[in-house]
Amino acid sequence: MITAVDTNILLDILLPDPEYKEKSRAYIERGIKEGALVICEVVYSELSAFFPKKKELDSFLEDLNVDIKPSIRDSLYHAGDAWKEYVKRRGAEVQCPNCGNKTKIKCSKCGKPLRTRHIISDFIIGAHAEVLADTLITRDRGIYKAYFKDLRLNFGD
């Protein structure tokens, strides 16, 4: 089994996040027991911001038995399709990364609606996992549930 890993899971371990560190580490260990752990280029790039040297990032990933599995044209095209659907549907609401619920948030000063936008990198991560892995470990389940229907997600409920 191939398990893709999202950036937030690796940052939970690296930084470490007091709420999620142990649960993220447990999912990483389970992924190792079940097969291979992989990340796409986007996750590697996002992680690089937290390491002063490339060799330190590579060592961190090596210690966790995480390999980079390059994207392929099919996964990149799939990311573009999902992005296109997102752009059509997004509206003025903010979407919860956990459950996918959408809600409106207004500026406390002027009352105008605030919007956050997912960027294409989220869609590249999701499409990479859906096409090249069997499951994705992530805490950002809302966006992946909404746009990657065939993607199996891990991080509990």
N, C-alpha and C. Protein backbone atom coordinates (compact mmCIF):
# COMPACT_ATOMS: atom_id res chain seq x y z
N MET A 1 0.85 -1.18 0.00
CA MET A 1 0.00 0.00 0.00
C MET A 1 0.89 1.24 0.00
N ILE A 2 0.49 2.22 -0.78
CA ILE A 2 1.21 3.49 -0.83
C ILE A 2 0.37 4.55 -0.11
N THR A 3 0.97 5.21 0.86
CA THR A 3 0.30 6.25 1.63
C THR A 3 0.96 7.59 1.34
N ALA A 4 0.18 8.52 0.82
CA ALA A 4 0.67 9.88 0.60
C ALA A 4 0.49 10.65 1.91
N VAL A 5 1.39 11.61 2.14
CA VAL A 5 1.37 12.38 3.38
C VAL A 5 1.27 13.86 3.05
N ASP A 6 0.32 14.55 3.68
CA ASP A 6 0.14 15.98 3.49
C ASP A 6 1.12 16.75 4.37
N THR A 7 1.40 17.97 3.99
CA THR A 7 2.36 18.82 4.71
C THR A 7 2.00 18.98 6.18
N ASN A 8 0.72 19.17 6.48
CA ASN A 8 0.33 19.45 7.87
C ASN A 8 0.70 18.31 8.81
N ILE A 9 0.68 17.08 8.33
CA ILE A 9 1.03 15.93 9.17
C ILE A 9 2.51 15.97 9.52
N LEU A 10 3.33 16.26 8.54
CA LEU A 10 4.78 16.32 8.77
C LEU A 10 5.14 17.51 9.65
N LEU A 11 4.43 18.62 9.50
CA LEU A 11 4.68 19.78 10.36
C LEU A 11 4.24 19.51 11.80
N ASP A 12 3.19 18.70 11.98
CA ASP A 12 2.78 18.32 13.33
C ASP A 12 3.93 17.68 14.08
N ILE A 13 4.71 16.87 13.38
CA ILE A 13 5.84 16.15 13.98
C ILE A 13 7.05 17.06 14.10
N LEU A 14 7.31 17.84 13.08
CA LEU A 14 8.50 18.69 13.04
C LEU A 14 8.45 19.81 14.06
N LEU A 15 7.33 20.49 14.20
CA LEU A 15 7.31 21.75 14.97
C LEU A 15 7.33 21.63 16.49
N PRO A 16 6.92 20.74 17.21
CA PRO A 16 5.81 19.79 17.09
C PRO A 16 4.52 20.44 17.59
N ASP A 17 3.41 19.97 17.05
CA ASP A 17 2.10 20.47 17.46
C ASP A 17 1.63 19.68 18.67
N PRO A 18 1.37 20.35 19.81
CA PRO A 18 0.99 19.61 21.03
C PRO A 18 -0.31 18.82 20.88
N GLU A 19 -1.23 19.30 20.06
CA GLU A 19 -2.51 18.62 19.92
C GLU A 19 -2.43 17.42 18.96
N TYR A 20 -1.64 17.53 17.90
CA TYR A 20 -1.67 16.53 16.85
C TYR A 20 -0.40 15.70 16.67
N LYS A 21 0.67 16.04 17.37
CA LYS A 21 1.95 15.37 17.13
C LYS A 21 1.84 13.85 17.27
N GLU A 22 1.31 13.37 18.37
CA GLU A 22 1.26 11.92 18.61
C GLU A 22 0.36 11.20 17.61
N LYS A 23 -0.77 11.79 17.31
CA LYS A 23 -1.69 11.17 16.36
C LYS A 23 -1.08 11.14 14.95
N SER A 24 -0.41 12.23 14.57
CA SER A 24 0.25 12.26 13.26
C SER A 24 1.37 11.23 13.19
N ARG A 25 2.15 11.13 14.25
CA ARG A 25 3.24 10.14 14.27
C ARG A 25 2.66 8.72 14.18
N ALA A 26 1.55 8.47 14.86
CA ALA A 26 0.93 7.14 14.81
C ALA A 26 0.47 6.80 13.38
N TYR A 27 -0.09 7.77 12.68
CA TYR A 27 -0.51 7.53 11.29
C TYR A 27 0.70 7.29 10.39
N ILE A 28 1.79 8.01 10.63
CA ILE A 28 3.03 7.80 9.87
C ILE A 28 3.53 6.36 10.12
N GLU A 29 3.58 5.95 11.36
CA GLU A 29 4.06 4.61 11.70
C GLU A 29 3.17 3.53 11.08
N ARG A 30 1.88 3.76 11.10
CA ARG A 30 0.96 2.81 10.48
C ARG A 30 1.19 2.73 8.97
N GLY A 31 1.43 3.88 8.35
CA GLY A 31 1.72 3.90 6.91
C GLY A 31 2.98 3.13 6.56
N ILE A 32 3.99 3.25 7.41
CA ILE A 32 5.24 2.51 7.19
C ILE A 32 4.99 1.00 7.28
N LYS A 33 4.20 0.59 8.27
CA LYS A 33 3.90 -0.85 8.44
C LYS A 33 3.09 -1.40 7.26
N GLU A 34 2.24 -0.56 6.69
CA GLU A 34 1.37 -1.01 5.60
C GLU A 34 2.03 -0.94 4.23
N GLY A 35 3.17 -0.26 4.12
CA GLY A 35 3.81 -0.14 2.81
C GLY A 35 4.76 1.04 2.75
N ALA A 36 4.56 1.90 1.76
CA ALA A 36 5.46 3.03 1.52
C ALA A 36 4.77 4.36 1.82
N LEU A 37 5.56 5.32 2.30
CA LEU A 37 5.09 6.69 2.50
C LEU A 37 5.69 7.57 1.41
N VAL A 38 4.83 8.39 0.79
CA VAL A 38 5.30 9.27 -0.27
C VAL A 38 4.74 10.68 -0.10
N ILE A 39 5.46 11.63 -0.68
CA ILE A 39 4.98 13.01 -0.79
C ILE A 39 5.18 13.45 -2.24
N CYS A 40 4.46 14.48 -2.63
CA CYS A 40 4.67 15.07 -3.95
C CYS A 40 5.61 16.26 -3.83
N GLU A 41 5.96 16.83 -4.95
CA GLU A 41 6.89 17.95 -4.98
C GLU A 41 6.37 19.16 -4.19
N VAL A 42 5.07 19.37 -4.19
CA VAL A 42 4.49 20.51 -3.47
C VAL A 42 4.74 20.38 -1.97
N VAL A 43 4.54 19.20 -1.42
CA VAL A 43 4.77 18.98 0.01
C VAL A 43 6.24 19.22 0.33
N TYR A 44 7.12 18.71 -0.51
CA TYR A 44 8.56 18.91 -0.31
C TYR A 44 8.87 20.41 -0.29
N SER A 45 8.31 21.16 -1.24
CA SER A 45 8.55 22.60 -1.32
C SER A 45 8.00 23.33 -0.10
N GLU A 46 6.80 22.96 0.32
CA GLU A 46 6.22 23.60 1.50
C GLU A 46 7.07 23.33 2.74
N LEU A 47 7.56 22.12 2.88
CA LEU A 47 8.41 21.77 4.03
C LEU A 47 9.75 22.51 4.00
N SER A 48 10.25 22.79 2.81
CA SER A 48 11.58 23.41 2.69
C SER A 48 11.66 24.76 3.40
N ALA A 49 10.53 25.42 3.58
CA ALA A 49 10.52 26.72 4.27
C ALA A 49 10.92 26.58 5.74
N PHE A 50 10.88 25.37 6.28
CA PHE A 50 11.16 25.14 7.70
C PHE A 50 12.56 24.59 7.95
N PHE A 51 13.36 24.49 6.91
CA PHE A 51 14.72 23.94 7.05
C PHE A 51 15.73 24.90 6.42
N PRO A 52 16.78 25.25 7.16
CA PRO A 52 17.78 26.15 6.59
C PRO A 52 18.61 25.51 5.48
N LYS A 53 18.70 24.17 5.50
CA LYS A 53 19.49 23.47 4.49
C LYS A 53 18.72 22.28 3.94
N LYS A 54 18.90 22.05 2.64
CA LYS A 54 18.23 20.94 1.96
C LYS A 54 18.57 19.60 2.63
N LYS A 55 19.81 19.44 3.02
CA LYS A 55 20.22 18.16 3.61
C LYS A 55 19.48 17.89 4.92
N GLU A 56 19.10 18.93 5.66
CA GLU A 56 18.34 18.74 6.89
C GLU A 56 16.91 18.26 6.58
N LEU A 57 16.31 18.83 5.55
CA LEU A 57 14.98 18.38 5.13
C LEU A 57 15.05 16.93 4.65
N ASP A 58 16.04 16.63 3.83
CA ASP A 58 16.18 15.26 3.34
C ASP A 58 16.40 14.27 4.48
N SER A 59 17.14 14.67 5.47
CA SER A 59 17.39 13.81 6.64
C SER A 59 16.10 13.59 7.43
N PHE A 60 15.32 14.65 7.62
CA PHE A 60 14.03 14.55 8.31
C PHE A 60 13.12 13.54 7.60
N LEU A 61 13.02 13.65 6.29
CA LEU A 61 12.16 12.75 5.52
C LEU A 61 12.71 11.32 5.55
N GLU A 62 14.01 11.19 5.46
CA GLU A 62 14.63 9.87 5.53
C GLU A 62 14.35 9.20 6.87
N ASP A 63 14.46 9.97 7.95
CA ASP A 63 14.19 9.42 9.29
C ASP A 63 12.75 8.90 9.42
N LEU A 64 11.83 9.51 8.67
CA LEU A 64 10.43 9.09 8.70
C LEU A 64 10.09 8.09 7.60
N ASN A 65 11.10 7.70 6.81
CA ASN A 65 10.88 6.77 5.68
C ASN A 65 9.92 7.31 4.64
N VAL A 66 10.01 8.61 4.36
CA VAL A 66 9.15 9.26 3.38
C VAL A 66 9.96 9.53 2.12
N ASP A 67 9.44 9.09 0.96
CA ASP A 67 10.07 9.32 -0.33
C ASP A 67 9.26 10.32 -1.14
N ILE A 68 9.92 10.98 -2.07
CA ILE A 68 9.22 11.83 -3.03
C ILE A 68 8.83 10.96 -4.22
N LYS A 69 7.56 11.01 -4.56
CA LYS A 69 7.08 10.32 -5.76
C LYS A 69 6.64 11.41 -6.73
N PRO A 70 7.35 11.58 -7.81
CA PRO A 70 7.03 12.69 -8.74
C PRO A 70 5.62 12.59 -9.30
N SER A 71 5.03 13.74 -9.51
CA SER A 71 3.72 13.81 -10.15
C SER A 71 3.85 13.33 -11.60
N ILE A 72 2.74 12.92 -12.16
CA ILE A 72 2.69 12.55 -13.57
C ILE A 72 1.64 13.42 -14.24
N ARG A 73 1.62 13.41 -15.55
CA ARG A 73 0.67 14.26 -16.27
C ARG A 73 -0.78 14.01 -15.86
N ASP A 74 -1.14 12.74 -15.66
CA ASP A 74 -2.52 12.43 -15.27
C ASP A 74 -2.89 13.08 -13.94
N SER A 75 -1.99 13.02 -12.96
CA SER A 75 -2.31 13.63 -11.66
C SER A 75 -2.36 15.15 -11.77
N LEU A 76 -1.48 15.74 -12.56
CA LEU A 76 -1.48 17.20 -12.72
C LEU A 76 -2.72 17.68 -13.46
N TYR A 77 -3.15 16.94 -14.47
CA TYR A 77 -4.37 17.30 -15.19
C TYR A 77 -5.58 17.16 -14.28
N HIS A 78 -5.59 16.09 -13.49
CA HIS A 78 -6.67 15.86 -12.53
C HIS A 78 -6.74 17.02 -11.51
N ALA A 79 -5.59 17.51 -11.08
CA ALA A 79 -5.55 18.66 -10.17
C ALA A 79 -6.19 19.88 -10.83
N GLY A 80 -5.89 20.09 -12.09
CA GLY A 80 -6.48 21.22 -12.82
C GLY A 80 -7.98 21.11 -12.95
N ASP A 81 -8.48 19.89 -13.20
CA ASP A 81 -9.93 19.67 -13.27
C ASP A 81 -10.60 19.98 -11.93
N ALA A 82 -10.00 19.49 -10.85
CA ALA A 82 -10.56 19.74 -9.51
C ALA A 82 -10.51 21.23 -9.19
N TRP A 83 -9.43 21.89 -9.54
CA TRP A 83 -9.30 23.34 -9.33
C TRP A 83 -10.39 24.10 -10.08
N LYS A 84 -10.63 23.70 -11.33
CA LYS A 84 -11.66 24.34 -12.15
C LYS A 84 -13.03 24.22 -11.47
N GLU A 85 -13.34 23.04 -10.96
CA GLU A 85 -14.60 22.83 -10.25
C GLU A 85 -14.67 23.69 -8.99
N TYR A 86 -13.59 23.76 -8.26
CA TYR A 86 -13.52 24.59 -7.05
C TYR A 86 -13.80 26.05 -7.38
N VAL A 87 -13.16 26.57 -8.41
CA VAL A 87 -13.33 27.97 -8.80
C VAL A 87 -14.79 28.25 -9.16
N LYS A 88 -15.45 27.29 -9.81
CA LYS A 88 -16.87 27.46 -10.15
C LYS A 88 -17.75 27.48 -8.91
N ARG A 89 -17.39 26.71 -7.88
CA ARG A 89 -18.27 26.53 -6.72
C ARG A 89 -17.94 27.39 -5.51
N ARG A 90 -16.80 28.04 -5.46
CA ARG A 90 -16.30 28.58 -4.19
C ARG A 90 -17.15 29.64 -3.53
N GLY A 91 -17.70 30.60 -4.19
CA GLY A 91 -18.56 31.59 -3.55
C GLY A 91 -17.84 32.43 -2.51
N ALA A 92 -18.61 33.07 -1.62
CA ALA A 92 -18.06 34.01 -0.64
C ALA A 92 -17.82 33.38 0.72
N GLU A 93 -18.09 32.09 0.87
CA GLU A 93 -17.92 31.45 2.17
C GLU A 93 -16.49 30.97 2.39
N VAL A 94 -16.19 30.77 3.67
CA VAL A 94 -14.94 30.15 4.08
C VAL A 94 -15.27 28.69 4.40
N GLN A 95 -14.43 27.76 3.94
CA GLN A 95 -14.70 26.34 4.15
C GLN A 95 -13.82 25.77 5.24
N CYS A 96 -14.45 25.04 6.17
CA CYS A 96 -13.72 24.37 7.24
C CYS A 96 -12.83 23.28 6.64
N PRO A 97 -11.53 23.27 6.98
CA PRO A 97 -10.66 22.24 6.43
C PRO A 97 -10.93 20.85 7.00
N ASN A 98 -11.63 20.78 8.12
CA ASN A 98 -11.90 19.49 8.75
C ASN A 98 -13.15 18.83 8.18
N CYS A 99 -14.29 19.53 8.22
CA CYS A 99 -15.55 18.89 7.85
C CYS A 99 -16.12 19.37 6.51
N GLY A 100 -15.59 20.47 5.98
CA GLY A 100 -16.09 20.98 4.71
C GLY A 100 -17.23 21.96 4.82
N ASN A 101 -17.73 22.22 6.04
CA ASN A 101 -18.81 23.18 6.24
C ASN A 101 -18.38 24.56 5.74
N LYS A 102 -19.32 25.26 5.10
CA LYS A 102 -19.03 26.61 4.62
C LYS A 102 -19.80 27.62 5.45
N THR A 103 -19.16 28.73 5.75
CA THR A 103 -19.78 29.79 6.53
C THR A 103 -19.25 31.14 6.08
N LYS A 104 -20.02 32.18 6.31
CA LYS A 104 -19.58 33.53 5.95
C LYS A 104 -18.95 34.19 7.17
N ILE A 105 -17.86 34.90 6.94
CA ILE A 105 -17.17 35.64 7.98
C ILE A 105 -17.06 37.08 7.51
N LYS A 106 -17.38 38.01 8.41
CA LYS A 106 -17.31 39.43 8.04
C LYS A 106 -16.21 40.12 8.82
N CYS A 107 -15.64 41.13 8.19
CA CYS A 107 -14.63 41.96 8.83
C CYS A 107 -15.25 42.67 10.03
N SER A 108 -14.58 42.64 11.16
CA SER A 108 -15.12 43.26 12.37
C SER A 108 -15.09 44.79 12.28
N LYS A 109 -14.32 45.35 11.38
CA LYS A 109 -14.24 46.81 11.25
C LYS A 109 -15.23 47.35 10.22
N CYS A 110 -15.21 46.80 9.00
CA CYS A 110 -16.03 47.37 7.94
C CYS A 110 -17.26 46.55 7.58
N GLY A 111 -17.33 45.30 8.06
CA GLY A 111 -18.50 44.46 7.80
C GLY A 111 -18.50 43.75 6.46
N LYS A 112 -17.47 43.95 5.66
CA LYS A 112 -17.40 43.28 4.35
C LYS A 112 -17.07 41.80 4.55
N PRO A 113 -17.60 40.94 3.67
CA PRO A 113 -17.30 39.51 3.80
C PRO A 113 -15.82 39.22 3.53
N LEU A 114 -15.25 38.32 4.33
CA LEU A 114 -13.88 37.87 4.13
C LEU A 114 -13.92 36.56 3.38
N ARG A 115 -12.99 36.38 2.46
CA ARG A 115 -12.90 35.14 1.69
C ARG A 115 -11.49 34.60 1.78
N THR A 116 -11.40 33.33 1.99
CA THR A 116 -10.10 32.68 1.85
C THR A 116 -10.20 31.79 0.64
N ARG A 117 -9.09 31.56 0.04
CA ARG A 117 -9.08 30.74 -1.16
C ARG A 117 -8.04 29.64 -1.01
N HIS A 118 -8.44 28.47 -1.45
CA HIS A 118 -7.46 27.40 -1.57
C HIS A 118 -6.65 27.68 -2.82
N ILE A 119 -5.41 27.35 -2.75
CA ILE A 119 -4.56 27.56 -3.91
C ILE A 119 -4.32 26.23 -4.61
N ILE A 120 -3.81 26.28 -5.82
CA ILE A 120 -3.68 25.08 -6.64
C ILE A 120 -2.84 24.00 -5.95
N SER A 121 -1.94 24.38 -5.07
CA SER A 121 -1.08 23.38 -4.42
C SER A 121 -1.92 22.34 -3.66
N ASP A 122 -2.99 22.75 -3.01
CA ASP A 122 -3.86 21.78 -2.32
C ASP A 122 -4.42 20.75 -3.30
N PHE A 123 -4.74 21.19 -4.50
CA PHE A 123 -5.32 20.32 -5.50
C PHE A 123 -4.26 19.41 -6.12
N ILE A 124 -3.03 19.88 -6.23
CA ILE A 124 -1.95 19.03 -6.71
C ILE A 124 -1.68 17.91 -5.71
N ILE A 125 -1.68 18.25 -4.42
CA ILE A 125 -1.48 17.24 -3.37
C ILE A 125 -2.60 16.20 -3.42
N GLY A 126 -3.85 16.64 -3.51
CA GLY A 126 -4.98 15.72 -3.54
C GLY A 126 -4.98 14.83 -4.78
N ALA A 127 -4.73 15.41 -5.94
CA ALA A 127 -4.72 14.63 -7.18
C ALA A 127 -3.55 13.65 -7.21
N HIS A 128 -2.40 14.09 -6.72
CA HIS A 128 -1.23 13.21 -6.63
C HIS A 128 -1.58 11.99 -5.79
N ALA A 129 -2.20 12.21 -4.64
CA ALA A 129 -2.57 11.09 -3.76
C ALA A 129 -3.62 10.20 -4.40
N GLU A 130 -4.60 10.80 -5.05
CA GLU A 130 -5.68 10.00 -5.64
C GLU A 130 -5.17 9.14 -6.81
N VAL A 131 -4.25 9.67 -7.60
CA VAL A 131 -3.76 8.95 -8.77
C VAL A 131 -2.60 8.02 -8.44
N LEU A 132 -1.70 8.43 -7.53
CA LEU A 132 -0.45 7.70 -7.32
C LEU A 132 -0.32 6.99 -5.98
N ALA A 133 -1.34 7.08 -5.13
CA ALA A 133 -1.28 6.43 -3.81
C ALA A 133 -2.62 5.77 -3.52
N ASP A 134 -2.65 5.04 -2.43
CA ASP A 134 -3.89 4.37 -2.02
C ASP A 134 -4.68 5.18 -0.99
N THR A 135 -3.99 6.06 -0.29
CA THR A 135 -4.63 6.85 0.76
C THR A 135 -3.80 8.12 1.01
N LEU A 136 -4.41 9.09 1.66
CA LEU A 136 -3.73 10.34 2.03
C LEU A 136 -3.92 10.58 3.52
N ILE A 137 -2.82 10.81 4.22
CA ILE A 137 -2.90 11.22 5.62
C ILE A 137 -2.92 12.74 5.64
N THR A 138 -3.99 13.32 6.18
CA THR A 138 -4.15 14.77 6.22
C THR A 138 -5.14 15.16 7.29
N ARG A 139 -5.02 16.41 7.75
CA ARG A 139 -6.06 16.96 8.62
C ARG A 139 -6.99 17.87 7.82
N ASP A 140 -6.64 18.22 6.59
CA ASP A 140 -7.46 19.09 5.74
C ASP A 140 -8.45 18.26 4.92
N ARG A 141 -9.30 17.54 5.63
CA ARG A 141 -10.17 16.60 4.95
C ARG A 141 -11.29 17.26 4.16
N GLY A 142 -11.76 18.42 4.57
CA GLY A 142 -12.91 19.05 3.91
C GLY A 142 -12.68 19.27 2.43
N ILE A 143 -11.57 19.88 2.08
CA ILE A 143 -11.29 20.18 0.67
C ILE A 143 -11.09 18.90 -0.13
N TYR A 144 -10.45 17.92 0.46
CA TYR A 144 -10.19 16.68 -0.27
C TYR A 144 -11.47 15.86 -0.43
N LYS A 145 -12.33 15.86 0.58
CA LYS A 145 -13.62 15.15 0.46
C LYS A 145 -14.47 15.77 -0.63
N ALA A 146 -14.43 17.09 -0.72
CA ALA A 146 -15.30 17.80 -1.66
C ALA A 146 -14.86 17.63 -3.11
N TYR A 147 -13.57 17.53 -3.37
CA TYR A 147 -13.08 17.56 -4.75
C TYR A 147 -12.37 16.29 -5.21
N PHE A 148 -12.15 15.35 -4.32
CA PHE A 148 -11.48 14.09 -4.69
C PHE A 148 -12.28 12.93 -4.12
N LYS A 149 -13.37 12.62 -4.77
CA LYS A 149 -14.34 11.65 -4.26
C LYS A 149 -13.78 10.24 -4.11
N ASP A 150 -12.78 9.88 -4.93
CA ASP A 150 -12.23 8.53 -4.87
C ASP A 150 -11.01 8.43 -3.96
N LEU A 151 -10.64 9.52 -3.31
CA LEU A 151 -9.46 9.55 -2.46
C LEU A 151 -9.80 9.05 -1.06
N ARG A 152 -9.07 8.04 -0.60
CA ARG A 152 -9.25 7.53 0.76
C ARG A 152 -8.42 8.40 1.69
N LEU A 153 -9.04 8.91 2.75
CA LEU A 153 -8.37 9.81 3.69
C LEU A 153 -8.17 9.13 5.03
N ASN A 154 -7.05 9.43 5.66
CA ASN A 154 -6.77 8.93 7.01
C ASN A 154 -6.48 10.09 7.93
N PHE A 155 -7.09 10.11 9.05
CA PHE A 155 -6.76 10.92 10.22
C PHE A 155 -7.91 10.88 11.21
N GLY A 156 -8.67 9.85 11.19
CA GLY A 156 -9.74 9.69 12.17
C GLY A 156 -10.91 10.62 11.90
N ASP A 157 -11.90 10.51 12.73
CA ASP A 157 -13.09 11.36 12.58
C ASP A 157 -13.29 12.23 13.78
